[in-house]
Amino acid sequence: MVLTKGTIKAVSISTKRGTKKSNVPQAELRADFGIIGDSHAGRPLRQVSMLAVESIAKMPTSGTAVSPGDFAENITTEGLDLSKLRLGSRIKLGESAEIEITQMGKKCHGRCEIFRQMGDCIMPREGIFAEVRKSGVIKTGDAIEVIGDRAAILTVSDSCAAGQRKDESGAVVESILVGNGFEVCAREIVPDEHAEIAEMLKRFADETRVDLVLTTGGTGLGPRDVTPEATQAVCERMAPGLSELIRAEGLKKTRNAILSRGTAGVRKNTLIINLPGSAKGAKESLEAIVDVLPHAIEMLRGAGH
């Protein structure tokens, strides 16, 4: 779901760091590398830099003309409030390129060429920096789209995996996530097998690198209910409060809610939460916690409490 839109006002590159960049009609972004031909490519955290024309307009230039790229930004934006973004925000540039915000502003350790020429530099205060997640070509005039937190849904069910029953709980979970601004980028079904559940959870966290994984099914006391065990096996840290809240809210509707063994935890930067298998149970459980998920994800990215 698109949350915010803007336009690429200019694309700029340079072969030397700390200098003004030259405008180019287009540039190629390479995943986990940066902009081909730019001096910041290949660096961690700060592969691509962005600055808004609205920020440049705040600069006291004392009559000095300033242009996009003068503050060493790779991408000059227009119409997009960069201050509203947060660490981990994903931005689609043009047709296919995607970047992820990894740093907001920066410390200015020395007086760069830009500061010496203008007496000030807006980049350390209002510039943002990102790593490239999806390759693509960008050009002046391309659209910028800020997309929601990325989620994946894993339905754990023998009957759904065998095609004997429709995955109603997965559909309900997807609808709620989309309605709350999440981008659902993967949805899979596996049988109630520990190894298959664990493998899919690891794939979502390690390869797809989503912010959130919601599982449905396999949380009860049945002999084949092993979703909590598979989740605990792949998580590095647990987040019991989420499951406690789900059970507490469920208890208001049925005493059977206390029989759910669902758990929640973190693998790398991915939050994994177990939901019940029924469509009704999954819906009520997700609605009980959906309002705190954006803040939980922001904390995972290193933002303040």
C-alpha atoms as a PDB file:
ATOM      1  CA  MET A   1       0.000   0.000   0.000  1.00  0.00           C
ATOM      2  CA  VAL A   2       1.470   3.347  -1.021  1.00  0.00           C
ATOM      3  CA  LEU A   3       1.676   5.769   1.901  1.00  0.00           C
ATOM      4  CA  THR A   4       3.458   8.772   0.373  1.00  0.00           C
ATOM      5  CA  LYS A   5       4.385   9.920  -3.113  1.00  0.00           C
ATOM      6  CA  GLY A   6       6.850  12.350  -4.638  1.00  0.00           C
ATOM      7  CA  THR A   7       8.974  12.947  -7.711  1.00  0.00           C
ATOM      8  CA  ILE A   8      12.663  12.651  -8.530  1.00  0.00           C
ATOM      9  CA  LYS A   9      13.732  16.213  -9.259  1.00  0.00           C
ATOM     10  CA  ALA A  10      17.299  15.279 -10.193  1.00  0.00           C
ATOM     11  CA  VAL A  11      19.763  12.373 -10.234  1.00  0.00           C
ATOM     12  CA  SER A  12      23.387  13.196  -9.480  1.00  0.00           C
ATOM     13  CA  ILE A  13      26.710  11.355  -9.144  1.00  0.00           C
ATOM     14  CA  SER A  14      30.342  12.144  -8.430  1.00  0.00           C
ATOM     15  CA  THR A  15      33.608  10.217  -8.455  1.00  0.00           C
ATOM     16  CA  LYS A  16      34.869  11.862  -5.239  1.00  0.00           C
ATOM     17  CA  ARG A  17      33.215  12.023  -1.829  1.00  0.00           C
ATOM     18  CA  GLY A  18      32.426  15.333  -0.126  1.00  0.00           C
ATOM     19  CA  THR A  19      32.082  17.264  -3.367  1.00  0.00           C
ATOM     20  CA  LYS A  20      29.183  18.579  -5.380  1.00  0.00           C
ATOM     21  CA  LYS A  21      27.657  16.007  -7.702  1.00  0.00           C
ATOM     22  CA  SER A  22      26.905  16.394 -11.396  1.00  0.00           C
ATOM     23  CA  ASN A  23      23.385  15.900 -12.712  1.00  0.00           C
ATOM     24  CA  VAL A  24      22.856  12.957 -15.041  1.00  0.00           C
ATOM     25  CA  PRO A  25      19.739  12.044 -17.055  1.00  0.00           C
ATOM     26  CA  GLN A  26      19.555   8.596 -15.470  1.00  0.00           C
ATOM     27  CA  ALA A  27      21.477   6.198 -13.244  1.00  0.00           C
ATOM     28  CA  GLU A  28      21.526   2.470 -12.547  1.00  0.00           C
ATOM     29  CA  LEU A  29      21.012   1.219  -9.000  1.00  0.00           C
ATOM     30  CA  ARG A  30      22.446  -2.183  -8.130  1.00  0.00           C
ATOM     31  CA  ALA A  31      21.126  -4.165  -5.165  1.00  0.00           C
ATOM     32  CA  ASP A  32      23.402  -4.170  -2.091  1.00  0.00           C
ATOM     33  CA  PHE A  33      25.870  -1.889  -3.921  1.00  0.00           C
ATOM     34  CA  GLY A  34      24.534   1.552  -4.776  1.00  0.00           C
ATOM     35  CA  ILE A  35      24.566   3.749  -7.864  1.00  0.00           C
ATOM     36  CA  ILE A  36      26.984   2.515 -10.494  1.00  0.00           C
ATOM     37  CA  GLY A  37      29.668   5.124 -11.095  1.00  0.00           C
ATOM     38  CA  ASP A  38      29.120   7.035  -7.843  1.00  0.00           C
ATOM     39  CA  SER A  39      31.762   7.403  -5.141  1.00  0.00           C
ATOM     40  CA  HIS A  40      29.501   6.134  -2.360  1.00  0.00           C
ATOM     41  CA  ALA A  41      28.642   2.847  -4.063  1.00  0.00           C
ATOM     42  CA  GLY A  42      29.659  -0.245  -2.162  1.00  0.00           C
ATOM     43  CA  ARG A  43      29.571   1.423   1.253  1.00  0.00           C
ATOM     44  CA  PRO A  44      27.432   0.043   4.072  1.00  0.00           C
ATOM     45  CA  LEU A  45      24.446   2.116   5.240  1.00  0.00           C
ATOM     46  CA  ARG A  46      25.102   5.124   2.972  1.00  0.00           C
ATOM     47  CA  GLN A  47      25.056   3.747  -0.576  1.00  0.00           C
ATOM     48  CA  VAL A  48      22.512   6.315  -1.780  1.00  0.00           C
ATOM     49  CA  SER A  49      21.762   9.802  -0.408  1.00  0.00           C
ATOM     50  CA  MET A  50      18.581  11.862  -0.772  1.00  0.00           C
ATOM     51  CA  LEU A  51      17.677  15.474  -0.093  1.00  0.00           C
ATOM     52  CA  ALA A  52      14.439  17.364  -0.761  1.00  0.00           C
ATOM     53  CA  VAL A  53      14.296  20.575  -2.783  1.00  0.00           C
ATOM     54  CA  GLU A  54      12.174  21.853   0.078  1.00  0.00           C
ATOM     55  CA  SER A  55      15.212  21.427   2.361  1.00  0.00           C
ATOM     56  CA  ILE A  56      17.546  23.116  -0.109  1.00  0.00           C
ATOM     57  CA  ALA A  57      15.195  26.117  -0.161  1.00  0.00           C
ATOM     58  CA  LYS A  58      15.889  26.651   3.549  1.00  0.00           C
ATOM     59  CA  MET A  59      19.583  27.300   2.934  1.00  0.00           C
ATOM     60  CA  PRO A  60      20.783  30.903   3.398  1.00  0.00           C
ATOM     61  CA  THR A  61      22.776  31.126   0.177  1.00  0.00           C
ATOM     62  CA  SER A  62      23.754  34.824   0.358  1.00  0.00           C
ATOM     63  CA  GLY A  63      23.099  35.177  -3.327  1.00  0.00           C
ATOM     64  CA  THR A  64      24.903  31.979  -4.307  1.00  0.00           C
ATOM     65  CA  ALA A  65      22.869  29.934  -6.752  1.00  0.00           C
ATOM     66  CA  VAL A  66      22.318  26.347  -5.634  1.00  0.00           C
ATOM     67  CA  SER A  67      21.208  23.412  -7.734  1.00  0.00           C
ATOM     68  CA  PRO A  68      20.288  19.763  -7.193  1.00  0.00           C
ATOM     69  CA  GLY A  69      23.416  17.780  -6.411  1.00  0.00           C
ATOM     70  CA  ASP A  70      25.235  20.724  -4.820  1.00  0.00           C
ATOM     71  CA  PHE A  71      24.914  19.156  -1.368  1.00  0.00           C
ATOM     72  CA  ALA A  72      26.342  15.836  -2.571  1.00  0.00           C
ATOM     73  CA  GLU A  73      22.944  14.152  -2.688  1.00  0.00           C
ATOM     74  CA  ASN A  74      22.377  11.433  -5.268  1.00  0.00           C
ATOM     75  CA  ILE A  75      18.640  11.944  -5.519  1.00  0.00           C
ATOM     76  CA  THR A  76      16.913  15.292  -5.122  1.00  0.00           C
ATOM     77  CA  THR A  77      13.236  14.832  -4.334  1.00  0.00           C
ATOM     78  CA  GLU A  78      10.177  17.048  -4.625  1.00  0.00           C
ATOM     79  CA  GLY A  79       6.835  16.722  -2.875  1.00  0.00           C
ATOM     80  CA  LEU A  80       7.962  14.001  -0.461  1.00  0.00           C
ATOM     81  CA  ASP A  81       8.375  14.917   3.212  1.00  0.00           C
ATOM     82  CA  LEU A  82      11.585  13.073   4.025  1.00  0.00           C
ATOM     83  CA  SER A  83      11.280  14.045   7.685  1.00  0.00           C
ATOM     84  CA  LYS A  84       8.257  11.744   8.001  1.00  0.00           C
ATOM     85  CA  LEU A  85      10.281   8.709   6.996  1.00  0.00           C
ATOM     86  CA  ARG A  86      11.891   6.429   9.548  1.00  0.00           C
ATOM     87  CA  LEU A  87      14.670   3.896   9.675  1.00  0.00           C
ATOM     88  CA  GLY A  88      13.739   0.877   7.576  1.00  0.00           C
ATOM     89  CA  SER A  89      11.235   2.726   5.383  1.00  0.00           C
ATOM     90  CA  ARG A  90      11.168   1.231   1.896  1.00  0.00           C
ATOM     91  CA  ILE A  91      10.982   3.526  -1.111  1.00  0.00           C
ATOM     92  CA  LYS A  92      10.234   2.532  -4.681  1.00  0.00           C
ATOM     93  CA  LEU A  93      12.046   4.637  -7.266  1.00  0.00           C
ATOM     94  CA  GLY A  94      10.846   4.633 -10.853  1.00  0.00           C
ATOM     95  CA  GLU A  95       9.669   1.353 -12.332  1.00  0.00           C
ATOM     96  CA  SER A  96      11.516  -1.206 -10.220  1.00  0.00           C
ATOM     97  CA  ALA A  97      14.329   0.101  -7.996  1.00  0.00           C
ATOM     98  CA  GLU A  98      13.847  -0.021  -4.223  1.00  0.00           C
ATOM     99  CA  ILE A  99      15.920   1.418  -1.400  1.00  0.00           C
ATOM    100  CA  GLU A 100      15.703   1.064   2.383  1.00  0.00           C
ATOM    101  CA  ILE A 101      16.413   3.998   4.707  1.00  0.00           C
ATOM    102  CA  THR A 102      19.397   3.135   6.907  1.00  0.00           C
ATOM    103  CA  GLN A 103      20.403   6.526   8.326  1.00  0.00           C
ATOM    104  CA  MET A 104      18.703   9.855   9.020  1.00  0.00           C
ATOM    105  CA  GLY A 105      21.130  12.754   8.804  1.00  0.00           C
ATOM    106  CA  LYS A 106      24.821  12.405   9.625  1.00  0.00           C
ATOM    107  CA  LYS A 107      27.622  13.897  11.665  1.00  0.00           C
ATOM    108  CA  CYS A 108      29.792  16.384   9.816  1.00  0.00           C
ATOM    109  CA  HIS A 109      33.329  15.487  10.909  1.00  0.00           C
ATOM    110  CA  GLY A 110      35.036  18.132   8.783  1.00  0.00           C
ATOM    111  CA  ARG A 111      34.406  21.153   6.629  1.00  0.00           C
ATOM    112  CA  CYS A 112      33.676  19.664   3.230  1.00  0.00           C
ATOM    113  CA  GLU A 113      33.903  21.543  -0.045  1.00  0.00           C
ATOM    114  CA  ILE A 114      30.189  22.302   0.118  1.00  0.00           C
ATOM    115  CA  PHE A 115      30.446  23.931   3.557  1.00  0.00           C
ATOM    116  CA  ARG A 116      33.498  25.939   2.587  1.00  0.00           C
ATOM    117  CA  GLN A 117      31.751  27.343  -0.483  1.00  0.00           C
ATOM    118  CA  MET A 118      28.381  28.106   1.124  1.00  0.00           C
ATOM    119  CA  GLY A 119      29.151  28.530   4.809  1.00  0.00           C
ATOM    120  CA  ASP A 120      26.617  25.868   5.750  1.00  0.00           C
ATOM    121  CA  CYS A 121      25.302  22.477   4.609  1.00  0.00           C
ATOM    122  CA  ILE A 122      21.768  21.187   5.025  1.00  0.00           C
ATOM    123  CA  MET A 123      22.688  17.579   4.249  1.00  0.00           C
ATOM    124  CA  PRO A 124      23.819  16.546   7.773  1.00  0.00           C
ATOM    125  CA  ARG A 125      20.532  17.831   9.214  1.00  0.00           C
ATOM    126  CA  GLU A 126      17.892  16.825   6.677  1.00  0.00           C
ATOM    127  CA  GLY A 127      19.521  14.394   4.275  1.00  0.00           C
ATOM    128  CA  ILE A 128      18.696  10.700   4.433  1.00  0.00           C
ATOM    129  CA  PHE A 129      20.771   7.701   3.428  1.00  0.00           C
ATOM    130  CA  ALA A 130      19.804   4.287   2.137  1.00  0.00           C
ATOM    131  CA  GLU A 131      20.929   0.923   0.856  1.00  0.00           C
ATOM    132  CA  VAL A 132      19.671  -0.481  -2.439  1.00  0.00           C
ATOM    133  CA  ARG A 133      17.373  -3.479  -2.026  1.00  0.00           C
ATOM    134  CA  LYS A 134      16.183  -3.933  -5.638  1.00  0.00           C
ATOM    135  CA  SER A 135      18.097  -3.019  -8.766  1.00  0.00           C
ATOM    136  CA  GLY A 136      16.718  -0.687 -11.409  1.00  0.00           C
ATOM    137  CA  VAL A 137      17.262   2.399 -13.528  1.00  0.00           C
ATOM    138  CA  ILE A 138      16.035   5.791 -12.319  1.00  0.00           C
ATOM    139  CA  LYS A 139      15.719   9.108 -14.136  1.00  0.00           C
ATOM    140  CA  THR A 140      14.568  12.653 -13.594  1.00  0.00           C
ATOM    141  CA  GLY A 141      10.795  12.879 -13.354  1.00  0.00           C
ATOM    142  CA  ASP A 142      10.315   9.335 -12.054  1.00  0.00           C
ATOM    143  CA  ALA A 143       7.778   8.768  -9.306  1.00  0.00           C
ATOM    144  CA  ILE A 144       8.796   8.016  -5.721  1.00  0.00           C
ATOM    145  CA  GLU A 145       6.521   5.797  -3.656  1.00  0.00           C
ATOM    146  CA  VAL A 146       6.983   5.098   0.045  1.00  0.00           C
ATOM    147  CA  ILE A 147       5.591   1.649   0.717  1.00  0.00           C
ATOM    148  CA  GLY A 148       4.401   0.192   3.994  1.00  0.00           C
ATOM    149  CA  ASP A 149       6.181  -2.245   6.272  1.00  0.00           C
ATOM    150  CA  ARG A 150       6.666  -5.571   4.510  1.00  0.00           C
ATOM    151  CA  ALA A 151       4.874  -8.670   5.772  1.00  0.00           C
ATOM    152  CA  ALA A 152       4.589 -12.358   4.939  1.00  0.00           C
ATOM    153  CA  ILE A 153       1.847 -14.813   5.910  1.00  0.00           C
ATOM    154  CA  LEU A 154       2.401 -18.501   6.562  1.00  0.00           C
ATOM    155  CA  THR A 155      -0.635 -20.767   6.892  1.00  0.00           C
ATOM    156  CA  VAL A 156       0.186 -24.010   8.698  1.00  0.00           C
ATOM    157  CA  SER A 157      -2.406 -26.642   7.848  1.00  0.00           C
ATOM    158  CA  ASP A 158      -2.309 -30.208   6.588  1.00  0.00           C
ATOM    159  CA  SER A 159      -5.662 -29.858   4.849  1.00  0.00           C
ATOM    160  CA  CYS A 160      -4.862 -26.516   3.188  1.00  0.00           C
ATOM    161  CA  ALA A 161      -1.496 -27.802   2.038  1.00  0.00           C
ATOM    162  CA  ALA A 162      -3.209 -30.827   0.489  1.00  0.00           C
ATOM    163  CA  GLY A 163      -5.764 -28.626  -1.288  1.00  0.00           C
ATOM    164  CA  GLN A 164      -8.652 -30.060   0.718  1.00  0.00           C
ATOM    165  CA  ARG A 165      -9.608 -26.764   2.382  1.00  0.00           C
ATOM    166  CA  LYS A 166      -9.490 -23.123   1.335  1.00  0.00           C
ATOM    167  CA  ASP A 167      -7.034 -20.897   3.202  1.00  0.00           C
ATOM    168  CA  GLU A 168      -9.594 -18.548   4.748  1.00  0.00           C
ATOM    169  CA  SER A 169      -7.442 -17.473   7.711  1.00  0.00           C
ATOM    170  CA  GLY A 170      -4.569 -16.367   5.447  1.00  0.00           C
ATOM    171  CA  ALA A 171      -6.984 -14.280   3.383  1.00  0.00           C
ATOM    172  CA  VAL A 172      -8.407 -12.590   6.492  1.00  0.00           C
ATOM    173  CA  VAL A 173      -4.933 -11.804   7.825  1.00  0.00           C
ATOM    174  CA  GLU A 174      -3.861 -10.325   4.485  1.00  0.00           C
ATOM    175  CA  SER A 175      -6.939  -8.104   4.354  1.00  0.00           C
ATOM    176  CA  ILE A 176      -6.266  -6.685   7.827  1.00  0.00           C
ATOM    177  CA  LEU A 177      -2.586  -6.078   7.086  1.00  0.00           C
ATOM    178  CA  VAL A 178      -3.266  -4.271   3.815  1.00  0.00           C
ATOM    179  CA  GLY A 179      -5.934  -2.185   5.522  1.00  0.00           C
ATOM    180  CA  ASN A 180      -3.329  -1.085   8.064  1.00  0.00           C
ATOM    181  CA  GLY A 181      -0.720  -0.012   5.527  1.00  0.00           C
ATOM    182  CA  PHE A 182       1.403  -3.173   5.277  1.00  0.00           C
ATOM    183  CA  GLU A 183       2.727  -4.525   1.997  1.00  0.00           C
ATOM    184  CA  VAL A 184       2.046  -8.275   1.915  1.00  0.00           C
ATOM    185  CA  CYS A 185       4.843  -9.548  -0.301  1.00  0.00           C
ATOM    186  CA  ALA A 186       4.571 -13.296   0.361  1.00  0.00           C
ATOM    187  CA  ARG A 187       1.901 -15.763   1.360  1.00  0.00           C
ATOM    188  CA  GLU A 188       2.606 -19.499   1.650  1.00  0.00           C
ATOM    189  CA  ILE A 189       1.018 -22.709   2.942  1.00  0.00           C
ATOM    190  CA  VAL A 190       2.864 -25.610   4.583  1.00  0.00           C
ATOM    191  CA  PRO A 191       1.658 -28.769   6.365  1.00  0.00           C
ATOM    192  CA  ASP A 192       2.003 -29.235  10.117  1.00  0.00           C
ATOM    193  CA  GLU A 193       5.625 -30.314   9.857  1.00  0.00           C
ATOM    194  CA  HIS A 194       8.240 -28.770  12.143  1.00  0.00           C
ATOM    195  CA  ALA A 195      11.021 -28.744   9.549  1.00  0.00           C
ATOM    196  CA  GLU A 196       8.904 -27.164   6.804  1.00  0.00           C
ATOM    197  CA  ILE A 197       7.523 -24.473   9.098  1.00  0.00           C
ATOM    198  CA  ALA A 198      10.994 -23.571  10.379  1.00  0.00           C
ATOM    199  CA  GLU A 199      12.478 -23.504   6.878  1.00  0.00           C
ATOM    200  CA  MET A 200       9.802 -21.147   5.567  1.00  0.00           C
ATOM    201  CA  LEU A 201      10.178 -18.814   8.572  1.00  0.00           C
ATOM    202  CA  LYS A 202      13.931 -18.655   7.973  1.00  0.00           C
ATOM    203  CA  ARG A 203      13.383 -17.939   4.283  1.00  0.00           C
ATOM    204  CA  PHE A 204      11.022 -15.047   5.044  1.00  0.00           C
ATOM    205  CA  ALA A 205      13.462 -13.532   7.568  1.00  0.00           C
ATOM    206  CA  ASP A 206      16.813 -14.245   5.909  1.00  0.00           C
ATOM    207  CA  GLU A 207      16.076 -14.063   2.180  1.00  0.00           C
ATOM    208  CA  THR A 208      12.848 -12.103   1.666  1.00  0.00           C
ATOM    209  CA  ARG A 209      13.808  -9.940   4.675  1.00  0.00           C
ATOM    210  CA  VAL A 210      10.286  -8.932   5.597  1.00  0.00           C
ATOM    211  CA  ASP A 211       9.564  -6.886   8.698  1.00  0.00           C
ATOM    212  CA  LEU A 212       6.762  -9.112   9.948  1.00  0.00           C
ATOM    213  CA  VAL A 213       5.732 -12.762   9.607  1.00  0.00           C
ATOM    214  CA  LEU A 214       2.312 -13.900  10.789  1.00  0.00           C
ATOM    215  CA  THR A 215       1.566 -17.608  11.002  1.00  0.00           C
ATOM    216  CA  THR A 216      -1.907 -19.107  11.293  1.00  0.00           C
ATOM    217  CA  GLY A 217      -2.600 -22.582  12.600  1.00  0.00           C
ATOM    218  CA  GLY A 218      -0.827 -25.246  14.614  1.00  0.00           C
ATOM    219  CA  THR A 219      -0.981 -23.427  17.960  1.00  0.00           C
ATOM    220  CA  GLY A 220      -3.269 -25.780  19.896  1.00  0.00           C
ATOM    221  CA  LEU A 221      -2.768 -28.925  21.959  1.00  0.00           C
ATOM    222  CA  GLY A 222      -3.206 -31.403  19.097  1.00  0.00           C
ATOM    223  CA  PRO A 223      -0.448 -33.945  18.421  1.00  0.00           C
ATOM    224  CA  ARG A 224       0.476 -32.225  15.133  1.00  0.00           C
ATOM    225  CA  ASP A 225       0.321 -28.651  16.478  1.00  0.00           C
ATOM    226  CA  VAL A 226       4.023 -27.733  16.328  1.00  0.00           C
ATOM    227  CA  THR A 227       4.037 -24.120  15.073  1.00  0.00           C
ATOM    228  CA  PRO A 228       5.183 -22.651  18.442  1.00  0.00           C
ATOM    229  CA  GLU A 229       8.083 -25.125  18.642  1.00  0.00           C
ATOM    230  CA  ALA A 230       9.175 -24.333  15.070  1.00  0.00           C
ATOM    231  CA  THR A 231       8.937 -20.618  15.785  1.00  0.00           C
ATOM    232  CA  GLN A 232      11.014 -20.879  18.955  1.00  0.00           C
ATOM    233  CA  ALA A 233      13.619 -22.913  17.076  1.00  0.00           C
ATOM    234  CA  VAL A 234      14.309 -20.117  14.563  1.00  0.00           C
ATOM    235  CA  CYS A 235      13.927 -17.076  16.823  1.00  0.00           C
ATOM    236  CA  GLU A 236      16.907 -15.453  18.529  1.00  0.00           C
ATOM    237  CA  ARG A 237      14.805 -13.505  21.045  1.00  0.00           C
ATOM    238  CA  MET A 238      11.263 -14.008  22.248  1.00  0.00           C
ATOM    239  CA  ALA A 239       8.523 -11.374  22.604  1.00  0.00           C
ATOM    240  CA  PRO A 240       5.997 -13.041  24.960  1.00  0.00           C
ATOM    241  CA  GLY A 241       3.936  -9.914  25.593  1.00  0.00           C
ATOM    242  CA  LEU A 242       2.332 -10.072  22.148  1.00  0.00           C
ATOM    243  CA  SER A 243       1.044 -13.615  22.660  1.00  0.00           C
ATOM    244  CA  GLU A 244      -0.032 -12.785  26.194  1.00  0.00           C
ATOM    245  CA  LEU A 245      -2.148  -9.909  24.879  1.00  0.00           C
ATOM    246  CA  ILE A 246      -3.676 -12.139  22.196  1.00  0.00           C
ATOM    247  CA  ARG A 247      -4.723 -14.693  24.814  1.00  0.00           C
ATOM    248  CA  ALA A 248      -5.976 -12.026  27.221  1.00  0.00           C
ATOM    249  CA  GLU A 249      -8.195 -10.460  24.559  1.00  0.00           C
ATOM    250  CA  GLY A 250      -9.351 -13.877  23.369  1.00  0.00           C
ATOM    251  CA  LEU A 251     -10.315 -14.851  26.895  1.00  0.00           C
ATOM    252  CA  LYS A 252     -12.913 -12.068  26.874  1.00  0.00           C
ATOM    253  CA  LYS A 253     -14.753 -13.996  24.160  1.00  0.00           C
ATOM    254  CA  THR A 254     -14.074 -17.651  25.024  1.00  0.00           C
ATOM    255  CA  ARG A 255     -12.306 -19.522  27.820  1.00  0.00           C
ATOM    256  CA  ASN A 256     -10.817 -21.821  25.175  1.00  0.00           C
ATOM    257  CA  ALA A 257      -8.408 -18.992  24.299  1.00  0.00           C
ATOM    258  CA  ILE A 258      -6.140 -20.081  27.166  1.00  0.00           C
ATOM    259  CA  LEU A 259      -5.499 -23.356  25.297  1.00  0.00           C
ATOM    260  CA  SER A 260      -3.601 -21.544  22.539  1.00  0.00           C
ATOM    261  CA  ARG A 261       0.169 -22.046  22.735  1.00  0.00           C
ATOM    262  CA  GLY A 262       1.017 -19.362  20.175  1.00  0.00           C
ATOM    263  CA  THR A 263       4.272 -17.515  20.696  1.00  0.00           C
ATOM    264  CA  ALA A 264       6.135 -14.549  19.234  1.00  0.00           C
ATOM    265  CA  GLY A 265       9.789 -13.738  18.701  1.00  0.00           C
ATOM    266  CA  VAL A 266      12.455 -12.090  16.601  1.00  0.00           C
ATOM    267  CA  ARG A 267      14.823 -13.492  14.011  1.00  0.00           C
ATOM    268  CA  LYS A 268      17.362 -10.901  12.853  1.00  0.00           C
ATOM    269  CA  ASN A 269      15.147  -7.873  12.026  1.00  0.00           C
ATOM    270  CA  THR A 270      11.941  -9.845  11.483  1.00  0.00           C
ATOM    271  CA  LEU A 271       9.120 -10.103  14.006  1.00  0.00           C
ATOM    272  CA  ILE A 272       7.341 -13.489  13.941  1.00  0.00           C
ATOM    273  CA  ILE A 273       3.931 -13.961  15.582  1.00  0.00           C
ATOM    274  CA  ASN A 274       1.709 -17.047  15.781  1.00  0.00           C
ATOM    275  CA  LEU A 275      -2.046 -16.651  15.265  1.00  0.00           C
ATOM    276  CA  PRO A 276      -4.796 -19.306  15.629  1.00  0.00           C
ATOM    277  CA  GLY A 277      -5.837 -21.337  12.598  1.00  0.00           C
ATOM    278  CA  SER A 278      -9.511 -20.410  12.359  1.00  0.00           C
ATOM    279  CA  ALA A 279     -10.396 -17.327  10.332  1.00  0.00           C
ATOM    280  CA  LYS A 280     -12.337 -15.881  13.295  1.00  0.00           C
ATOM    281  CA  GLY A 281      -9.530 -16.566  15.757  1.00  0.00           C
ATOM    282  CA  ALA A 282      -6.858 -15.169  13.434  1.00  0.00           C
ATOM    283  CA  LYS A 283      -8.905 -12.025  12.820  1.00  0.00           C
ATOM    284  CA  GLU A 284      -9.600 -11.323  16.492  1.00  0.00           C
ATOM    285  CA  SER A 285      -6.015 -12.075  17.514  1.00  0.00           C
ATOM    286  CA  LEU A 286      -4.473  -9.808  14.887  1.00  0.00           C
ATOM    287  CA  GLU A 287      -6.909  -7.005  15.664  1.00  0.00           C
ATOM    288  CA  ALA A 288      -5.784  -7.207  19.306  1.00  0.00           C
ATOM    289  CA  ILE A 289      -2.166  -6.328  18.451  1.00  0.00           C
ATOM    290  CA  VAL A 290      -2.135  -4.650  15.027  1.00  0.00           C
ATOM    291  CA  ASP A 291      -1.914  -1.143  16.507  1.00  0.00           C
ATOM    292  CA  VAL A 292       1.422  -1.861  18.251  1.00  0.00           C
ATOM    293  CA  LEU A 293       3.105  -3.623  15.328  1.00  0.00           C
ATOM    294  CA  PRO A 294       4.468  -0.482  13.573  1.00  0.00           C
ATOM    295  CA  HIS A 295       6.168   0.638  16.785  1.00  0.00           C
ATOM    296  CA  ALA A 296       7.529  -2.846  17.408  1.00  0.00           C
ATOM    297  CA  ILE A 297       9.015  -2.913  13.912  1.00  0.00           C
ATOM    298  CA  GLU A 298      10.474   0.568  14.385  1.00  0.00           C
ATOM    299  CA  MET A 299      12.174  -0.592  17.584  1.00  0.00           C
ATOM    300  CA  LEU A 300      13.667  -3.558  15.727  1.00  0.00           C
ATOM    301  CA  ARG A 301      15.260  -1.110  13.306  1.00  0.00           C
ATOM    302  CA  GLY A 302      16.984   0.692  16.143  1.00  0.00           C
ATOM    303  CA  ALA A 303      14.626   3.596  16.654  1.00  0.00           C
ATOM    304  CA  GLY A 304      14.040   4.971  20.154  1.00  0.00           C
ATOM    305  CA  HIS A 305      11.488   3.612  22.597  1.00  0.00           C
END
